[in-house]
N, C-alpha and C. Protein backbone atom coordinates (compact mmCIF):
# COMPACT_ATOMS: atom_id res chain seq x y z
N MET A 1 -3.93 -9.35 5.90
CA MET A 1 -2.93 -8.61 6.66
C MET A 1 -1.64 -9.42 6.63
N SER A 2 -0.50 -8.75 6.52
CA SER A 2 0.77 -9.45 6.41
C SER A 2 1.20 -10.03 7.76
N LYS A 3 2.06 -11.03 7.69
CA LYS A 3 2.59 -11.64 8.92
C LYS A 3 3.40 -10.62 9.71
N THR A 4 4.12 -9.73 9.02
CA THR A 4 4.92 -8.70 9.69
C THR A 4 4.03 -7.78 10.52
N VAL A 5 2.94 -7.34 9.92
CA VAL A 5 2.02 -6.45 10.62
C VAL A 5 1.40 -7.16 11.81
N THR A 6 0.95 -8.40 11.61
CA THR A 6 0.34 -9.17 12.68
C THR A 6 1.33 -9.40 13.82
N ALA A 7 2.56 -9.76 13.50
CA ALA A 7 3.58 -10.00 14.52
C ALA A 7 3.90 -8.73 15.29
N ALA A 8 4.00 -7.61 14.59
CA ALA A 8 4.30 -6.34 15.26
C ALA A 8 3.18 -5.96 16.20
N ARG A 9 1.95 -6.16 15.77
CA ARG A 9 0.82 -5.84 16.65
C ARG A 9 0.81 -6.74 17.87
N ALA A 10 1.06 -8.03 17.66
CA ALA A 10 1.06 -8.98 18.77
C ALA A 10 2.15 -8.64 19.78
N ALA A 11 3.28 -8.15 19.27
CA ALA A 11 4.40 -7.78 20.15
C ALA A 11 4.19 -6.41 20.78
N GLY A 12 3.15 -5.72 20.36
CA GLY A 12 2.88 -4.39 20.91
C GLY A 12 3.85 -3.33 20.43
N THR A 13 4.45 -3.55 19.25
CA THR A 13 5.45 -2.60 18.75
C THR A 13 4.87 -1.58 17.80
N THR A 14 3.58 -1.58 17.62
CA THR A 14 2.98 -0.58 16.75
C THR A 14 1.73 -0.01 17.40
N THR A 15 1.55 1.28 17.25
CA THR A 15 0.33 1.92 17.70
C THR A 15 -0.33 2.54 16.49
N ILE A 16 -1.64 2.56 16.50
CA ILE A 16 -2.37 3.06 15.35
C ILE A 16 -2.99 4.40 15.72
N SER A 17 -2.61 5.42 15.00
CA SER A 17 -3.13 6.76 15.25
C SER A 17 -4.61 6.82 14.90
N PRO A 18 -5.44 7.35 15.80
CA PRO A 18 -6.86 7.51 15.48
C PRO A 18 -7.06 8.43 14.27
N VAL A 19 -6.17 9.38 14.08
CA VAL A 19 -6.26 10.28 12.92
C VAL A 19 -6.06 9.47 11.64
N LEU A 20 -5.07 8.59 11.65
CA LEU A 20 -4.80 7.75 10.49
C LEU A 20 -6.00 6.85 10.19
N LEU A 21 -6.58 6.27 11.21
CA LEU A 21 -7.73 5.38 11.02
C LEU A 21 -8.95 6.12 10.47
N ALA A 22 -9.07 7.40 10.81
CA ALA A 22 -10.24 8.18 10.38
C ALA A 22 -10.07 8.80 8.99
N MET A 23 -8.89 8.69 8.41
CA MET A 23 -8.63 9.32 7.10
C MET A 23 -9.49 8.73 6.00
N SER A 24 -9.81 9.58 5.04
CA SER A 24 -10.45 9.09 3.83
C SER A 24 -9.39 8.34 3.02
N GLU A 25 -9.84 7.58 2.05
CA GLU A 25 -8.89 6.86 1.20
C GLU A 25 -8.00 7.85 0.44
N ALA A 26 -8.56 8.95 -0.02
CA ALA A 26 -7.77 9.95 -0.77
C ALA A 26 -6.71 10.59 0.13
N ALA A 27 -7.07 10.92 1.36
CA ALA A 27 -6.10 11.51 2.30
C ALA A 27 -5.01 10.50 2.65
N PHE A 28 -5.40 9.26 2.84
CA PHE A 28 -4.43 8.20 3.13
C PHE A 28 -3.47 8.05 1.96
N GLN A 29 -3.99 8.07 0.74
CA GLN A 29 -3.14 7.94 -0.43
C GLN A 29 -2.16 9.11 -0.52
N ARG A 30 -2.63 10.32 -0.26
CA ARG A 30 -1.72 11.48 -0.28
C ARG A 30 -0.59 11.32 0.73
N GLN A 31 -0.92 10.84 1.93
CA GLN A 31 0.11 10.67 2.96
C GLN A 31 1.12 9.60 2.55
N VAL A 32 0.64 8.48 2.05
CA VAL A 32 1.54 7.40 1.63
C VAL A 32 2.44 7.89 0.49
N LYS A 33 1.86 8.56 -0.51
CA LYS A 33 2.66 9.06 -1.63
C LYS A 33 3.72 10.05 -1.16
N ALA A 34 3.36 10.94 -0.27
CA ALA A 34 4.32 11.93 0.24
C ALA A 34 5.46 11.25 0.99
N THR A 35 5.13 10.26 1.79
CA THR A 35 6.17 9.54 2.53
C THR A 35 7.09 8.78 1.57
N LEU A 36 6.51 8.09 0.60
CA LEU A 36 7.33 7.36 -0.37
C LEU A 36 8.26 8.30 -1.13
N ALA A 37 7.74 9.43 -1.57
CA ALA A 37 8.56 10.41 -2.29
C ALA A 37 9.69 10.92 -1.41
N SER A 38 9.41 11.16 -0.13
CA SER A 38 10.46 11.65 0.78
C SER A 38 11.54 10.60 1.01
N LEU A 39 11.22 9.33 0.80
CA LEU A 39 12.19 8.24 0.96
C LEU A 39 12.91 7.92 -0.35
N GLY A 40 12.61 8.67 -1.42
CA GLY A 40 13.31 8.48 -2.69
C GLY A 40 12.63 7.54 -3.66
N TYR A 41 11.42 7.09 -3.37
CA TYR A 41 10.70 6.21 -4.28
C TYR A 41 10.09 7.02 -5.43
N VAL A 42 9.99 6.39 -6.57
CA VAL A 42 9.29 6.96 -7.72
C VAL A 42 7.89 6.34 -7.68
N VAL A 43 6.88 7.19 -7.59
CA VAL A 43 5.50 6.71 -7.42
C VAL A 43 4.69 7.07 -8.66
N TRP A 44 4.01 6.04 -9.21
CA TRP A 44 3.14 6.25 -10.36
C TRP A 44 1.70 6.05 -9.93
N THR A 45 0.84 6.96 -10.34
CA THR A 45 -0.60 6.84 -10.10
C THR A 45 -1.33 7.27 -11.37
N PHE A 46 -2.61 6.97 -11.40
CA PHE A 46 -3.46 7.43 -12.48
C PHE A 46 -4.29 8.58 -11.95
N PRO A 47 -4.34 9.70 -12.65
CA PRO A 47 -5.10 10.84 -12.14
C PRO A 47 -6.59 10.56 -12.00
N ILE A 48 -7.14 9.75 -12.90
CA ILE A 48 -8.56 9.42 -12.83
C ILE A 48 -8.67 7.89 -12.92
N MET A 49 -8.79 7.24 -11.78
CA MET A 49 -8.81 5.78 -11.74
C MET A 49 -10.01 5.19 -12.50
N LYS A 50 -11.09 5.94 -12.61
CA LYS A 50 -12.28 5.42 -13.31
C LYS A 50 -12.01 5.17 -14.80
N ARG A 51 -10.93 5.75 -15.30
CA ARG A 51 -10.59 5.55 -16.72
C ARG A 51 -9.63 4.38 -16.93
N THR A 52 -9.31 3.65 -15.87
CA THR A 52 -8.40 2.51 -15.99
C THR A 52 -9.22 1.22 -16.01
N THR A 53 -8.54 0.12 -16.27
CA THR A 53 -9.17 -1.20 -16.19
C THR A 53 -9.45 -1.51 -14.73
N ALA A 54 -10.59 -2.12 -14.48
CA ALA A 54 -10.96 -2.48 -13.10
C ALA A 54 -9.88 -3.35 -12.47
N GLY A 55 -9.50 -3.00 -11.26
CA GLY A 55 -8.52 -3.78 -10.52
C GLY A 55 -7.12 -3.21 -10.50
N VAL A 56 -6.82 -2.19 -11.32
CA VAL A 56 -5.48 -1.60 -11.32
C VAL A 56 -5.22 -1.01 -9.93
N PRO A 57 -4.11 -1.41 -9.26
CA PRO A 57 -3.83 -0.89 -7.92
C PRO A 57 -3.61 0.63 -7.92
N ASP A 58 -3.87 1.25 -6.77
CA ASP A 58 -3.76 2.70 -6.62
C ASP A 58 -2.34 3.22 -6.84
N LEU A 59 -1.37 2.52 -6.29
CA LEU A 59 0.02 2.98 -6.37
C LEU A 59 0.92 1.91 -6.98
N THR A 60 1.78 2.35 -7.87
CA THR A 60 2.87 1.53 -8.38
C THR A 60 4.12 2.33 -8.07
N PHE A 61 5.10 1.71 -7.41
CA PHE A 61 6.29 2.47 -7.08
C PHE A 61 7.53 1.60 -7.05
N TRP A 62 8.67 2.26 -7.17
CA TRP A 62 9.97 1.60 -7.19
C TRP A 62 11.01 2.56 -6.65
N HIS A 63 12.16 2.01 -6.29
CA HIS A 63 13.25 2.83 -5.75
C HIS A 63 14.50 2.62 -6.61
N PRO A 64 15.15 3.70 -7.03
CA PRO A 64 16.33 3.58 -7.88
C PRO A 64 17.46 2.75 -7.27
N LYS A 65 17.52 2.66 -5.96
CA LYS A 65 18.59 1.90 -5.30
C LYS A 65 18.15 0.49 -4.92
N ARG A 66 16.99 0.08 -5.38
CA ARG A 66 16.50 -1.27 -5.11
C ARG A 66 16.10 -1.96 -6.42
N PRO A 67 17.08 -2.29 -7.24
CA PRO A 67 16.75 -2.92 -8.53
C PRO A 67 16.08 -4.28 -8.31
N GLY A 68 15.19 -4.61 -9.22
CA GLY A 68 14.51 -5.90 -9.15
C GLY A 68 13.31 -5.92 -8.21
N ARG A 69 12.92 -4.76 -7.67
CA ARG A 69 11.78 -4.67 -6.76
C ARG A 69 10.76 -3.69 -7.33
N LEU A 70 9.49 -4.06 -7.22
CA LEU A 70 8.40 -3.22 -7.69
C LEU A 70 7.22 -3.44 -6.75
N TRP A 71 6.56 -2.36 -6.38
CA TRP A 71 5.43 -2.42 -5.44
C TRP A 71 4.16 -2.02 -6.16
N PHE A 72 3.09 -2.78 -5.92
CA PHE A 72 1.74 -2.47 -6.38
C PHE A 72 0.85 -2.50 -5.15
N TRP A 73 0.37 -1.36 -4.72
CA TRP A 73 -0.45 -1.31 -3.51
C TRP A 73 -1.83 -0.75 -3.82
N GLU A 74 -2.83 -1.46 -3.34
CA GLU A 74 -4.21 -0.99 -3.37
C GLU A 74 -4.50 -0.42 -1.99
N LEU A 75 -4.76 0.87 -1.90
CA LEU A 75 -5.00 1.52 -0.61
C LEU A 75 -6.48 1.54 -0.30
N LYS A 76 -6.81 1.23 0.94
CA LYS A 76 -8.20 1.22 1.39
C LYS A 76 -8.31 1.91 2.73
N LYS A 77 -9.50 2.47 3.00
CA LYS A 77 -9.79 3.00 4.34
C LYS A 77 -9.75 1.83 5.32
N ALA A 78 -9.77 2.15 6.60
CA ALA A 78 -9.69 1.12 7.63
C ALA A 78 -10.69 0.00 7.39
N ARG A 79 -11.88 0.35 6.94
CA ARG A 79 -12.91 -0.67 6.70
C ARG A 79 -13.41 -0.67 5.26
N GLY A 80 -12.58 -0.17 4.36
CA GLY A 80 -12.98 -0.10 2.96
C GLY A 80 -13.12 -1.47 2.32
N ARG A 81 -14.05 -1.56 1.39
CA ARG A 81 -14.35 -2.82 0.72
C ARG A 81 -13.38 -3.05 -0.45
N VAL A 82 -12.88 -4.26 -0.57
CA VAL A 82 -12.01 -4.65 -1.68
C VAL A 82 -12.91 -5.31 -2.73
N ARG A 83 -12.90 -4.75 -3.93
CA ARG A 83 -13.70 -5.34 -5.01
C ARG A 83 -13.01 -6.61 -5.53
N PRO A 84 -13.79 -7.56 -6.05
CA PRO A 84 -13.19 -8.80 -6.56
C PRO A 84 -12.09 -8.57 -7.58
N GLU A 85 -12.26 -7.57 -8.47
CA GLU A 85 -11.25 -7.29 -9.48
C GLU A 85 -9.94 -6.83 -8.85
N GLN A 86 -10.05 -6.09 -7.78
CA GLN A 86 -8.85 -5.61 -7.08
C GLN A 86 -8.12 -6.77 -6.42
N GLN A 87 -8.86 -7.64 -5.75
CA GLN A 87 -8.24 -8.79 -5.10
C GLN A 87 -7.60 -9.72 -6.12
N GLU A 88 -8.28 -9.92 -7.25
CA GLU A 88 -7.74 -10.78 -8.31
C GLU A 88 -6.42 -10.22 -8.84
N ALA A 89 -6.36 -8.90 -9.06
CA ALA A 89 -5.13 -8.28 -9.56
C ALA A 89 -4.00 -8.42 -8.54
N ILE A 90 -4.29 -8.15 -7.27
CA ILE A 90 -3.28 -8.27 -6.21
C ILE A 90 -2.79 -9.71 -6.11
N ASP A 91 -3.72 -10.66 -6.14
CA ASP A 91 -3.34 -12.08 -6.05
C ASP A 91 -2.42 -12.47 -7.20
N HIS A 92 -2.74 -12.01 -8.41
CA HIS A 92 -1.91 -12.36 -9.57
C HIS A 92 -0.54 -11.66 -9.49
N LEU A 93 -0.54 -10.37 -9.23
CA LEU A 93 0.72 -9.63 -9.19
C LEU A 93 1.65 -10.15 -8.09
N SER A 94 1.09 -10.63 -7.00
CA SER A 94 1.94 -11.11 -5.89
C SER A 94 2.66 -12.41 -6.23
N THR A 95 2.32 -13.05 -7.35
CA THR A 95 3.03 -14.27 -7.75
C THR A 95 4.30 -13.96 -8.54
N VAL A 96 4.48 -12.70 -8.92
CA VAL A 96 5.63 -12.31 -9.73
C VAL A 96 6.84 -12.07 -8.82
N PRO A 97 7.98 -12.72 -9.10
CA PRO A 97 9.17 -12.50 -8.28
C PRO A 97 9.58 -11.02 -8.26
N GLY A 98 9.92 -10.52 -7.09
CA GLY A 98 10.37 -9.14 -6.94
C GLY A 98 9.25 -8.15 -6.77
N VAL A 99 8.00 -8.62 -6.82
CA VAL A 99 6.84 -7.72 -6.71
C VAL A 99 6.20 -7.86 -5.33
N ASP A 100 5.92 -6.72 -4.72
CA ASP A 100 5.16 -6.68 -3.46
C ASP A 100 3.80 -6.11 -3.82
N ALA A 101 2.80 -6.95 -3.92
CA ALA A 101 1.44 -6.52 -4.25
C ALA A 101 0.55 -6.84 -3.06
N ARG A 102 -0.18 -5.84 -2.59
CA ARG A 102 -1.00 -6.05 -1.40
C ARG A 102 -2.06 -4.97 -1.25
N ILE A 103 -3.02 -5.27 -0.39
CA ILE A 103 -4.00 -4.30 0.06
C ILE A 103 -3.38 -3.64 1.30
N VAL A 104 -3.37 -2.32 1.33
CA VAL A 104 -2.78 -1.60 2.46
C VAL A 104 -3.85 -0.70 3.07
N ARG A 105 -4.01 -0.85 4.38
CA ARG A 105 -4.96 -0.05 5.14
C ARG A 105 -4.18 0.81 6.13
N PRO A 106 -4.79 1.87 6.64
CA PRO A 106 -4.08 2.73 7.59
C PRO A 106 -3.48 1.96 8.77
N GLN A 107 -4.16 0.94 9.24
CA GLN A 107 -3.64 0.18 10.38
C GLN A 107 -2.40 -0.65 10.02
N ASP A 108 -2.12 -0.84 8.73
CA ASP A 108 -0.93 -1.56 8.29
C ASP A 108 0.25 -0.62 8.03
N TRP A 109 -0.03 0.64 7.78
CA TRP A 109 0.94 1.59 7.26
C TRP A 109 2.14 1.79 8.17
N GLU A 110 1.97 1.93 9.45
CA GLU A 110 3.11 2.20 10.35
C GLU A 110 4.18 1.13 10.24
N VAL A 111 3.79 -0.13 10.22
CA VAL A 111 4.77 -1.23 10.12
C VAL A 111 5.35 -1.30 8.72
N LEU A 112 4.51 -1.18 7.71
CA LEU A 112 5.00 -1.26 6.33
C LEU A 112 5.99 -0.15 6.03
N ARG A 113 5.73 1.04 6.54
CA ARG A 113 6.61 2.18 6.29
C ARG A 113 8.04 1.87 6.72
N TRP A 114 8.20 1.23 7.87
CA TRP A 114 9.55 0.90 8.35
C TRP A 114 10.26 -0.09 7.42
N GLY A 115 9.52 -0.96 6.77
CA GLY A 115 10.12 -1.91 5.85
C GLY A 115 10.60 -1.27 4.56
N LEU A 116 10.18 -0.05 4.29
CA LEU A 116 10.57 0.64 3.06
C LEU A 116 11.81 1.50 3.23
N LEU A 117 12.27 1.66 4.44
CA LEU A 117 13.44 2.52 4.68
C LEU A 117 14.70 1.92 4.11
């Protein structure tokens, strides 16, 4: 979990919707993609993830007005399991300057969304 999310929770500045926590991973991904698109981000996904190399994050996105920034997010349910290949990819991608690579769960989304505005 990111320091921003942890700090916001500790300060009591974020509430987690029970609906968001109960979402399936597919429903959560649809909501995140829709929000990103409404904010002007270009979002890339693979229609059938089983045909990709193990560990490829669910979402890759960028914003035309934010050059030099690229996001790779692996979306998980509130208690979804992260496979070793996924964690390895996120760990490697997060070492690249200008890249935000992370595991994102519904309980992280409210705070992260504000950082994308």
